[in-house]
């Protein structure tokens, strides 16, 4: 209900001044935060996978 109200409020604001794109609109903020989270977590998990494989290879070479 709150997101729906925010979406309706954003649409009313958009029709009021549709010439200027406001970067602090709720939709833009939610999209940018979700994209940033996705990129950060994929990079983080890729680094973890690389370190895990490196650790396994190091253990195998030591044995």
Protein backbone atom coordinates (compact mmCIF):
# COMPACT_ATOMS: atom_id res chain seq x y z
CA UNK A 1 0.00 0.00 0.00
CA UNK A 2 2.82 2.38 0.86
CA UNK A 3 4.72 1.62 -2.34
CA UNK A 4 1.54 1.97 -4.35
CA UNK A 5 0.89 5.35 -2.77
CA UNK A 6 4.48 6.36 -3.47
CA UNK A 7 4.08 5.24 -7.08
CA UNK A 8 0.87 7.23 -7.49
CA UNK A 9 2.49 10.25 -5.89
CA UNK A 10 5.48 9.92 -8.21
CA UNK A 11 3.22 9.68 -11.27
CA UNK A 12 1.35 12.82 -10.24
CA UNK A 13 4.64 14.63 -9.70
CA UNK A 14 5.89 13.38 -13.07
CA UNK A 15 2.88 14.76 -14.94
CA UNK A 16 3.28 18.07 -13.13
CA UNK A 17 6.85 18.66 -14.37
CA UNK A 18 7.71 15.97 -16.90
CA UNK A 19 10.29 18.13 -18.66
CA UNK A 20 12.80 17.84 -15.82
CA UNK A 21 13.89 14.40 -14.67
CA UNK A 22 14.28 14.37 -10.90
CA UNK A 23 17.05 12.03 -9.79
CA UNK A 24 15.63 11.83 -6.26
CA UNK A 25 12.38 10.23 -7.37
CA UNK A 26 11.52 7.04 -5.46
CA UNK A 27 11.60 4.85 -8.56
CA UNK A 28 15.07 6.05 -9.61
CA UNK A 29 16.47 5.66 -6.09
CA UNK A 30 15.08 2.13 -5.75
CA UNK A 31 16.44 1.08 -9.14
CA UNK A 32 19.90 2.52 -8.54
CA UNK A 33 20.16 0.97 -5.07
CA UNK A 34 19.10 -2.44 -6.38
CA UNK A 35 21.60 -2.24 -9.28
CA UNK A 36 24.41 -1.20 -6.92
CA UNK A 37 23.57 -4.05 -4.53
CA UNK A 38 23.51 -6.54 -7.41
CA UNK A 39 26.89 -5.40 -8.76
CA UNK A 40 28.54 -5.32 -5.32
CA UNK A 41 27.27 -8.77 -4.35
CA UNK A 42 28.25 -10.37 -7.66
CA UNK A 43 31.76 -8.92 -7.43
CA UNK A 44 32.00 -9.97 -3.77
CA UNK A 45 30.91 -13.54 -4.46
CA UNK A 46 33.19 -13.79 -7.49
CA UNK A 47 36.13 -12.77 -5.34
CA UNK A 48 35.09 -15.32 -2.70
CA UNK A 49 34.87 -18.05 -5.35
CA UNK A 50 38.31 -17.18 -6.71
CA UNK A 51 39.82 -17.19 -3.22
CA UNK A 52 38.12 -20.51 -2.40
CA UNK A 53 39.44 -22.16 -5.56
CA UNK A 54 42.89 -20.71 -4.89
CA UNK A 55 42.77 -22.08 -1.34
CA UNK A 56 41.72 -25.52 -2.58
CA UNK A 57 44.53 -25.54 -5.16
CA UNK A 58 47.02 -24.46 -2.52
CA UNK A 59 45.88 -27.25 -0.19
CA UNK A 60 46.14 -29.81 -3.01
CA UNK A 61 49.67 -28.69 -3.90
CA UNK A 62 50.74 -28.89 -0.26
CA UNK A 63 49.41 -32.44 0.10
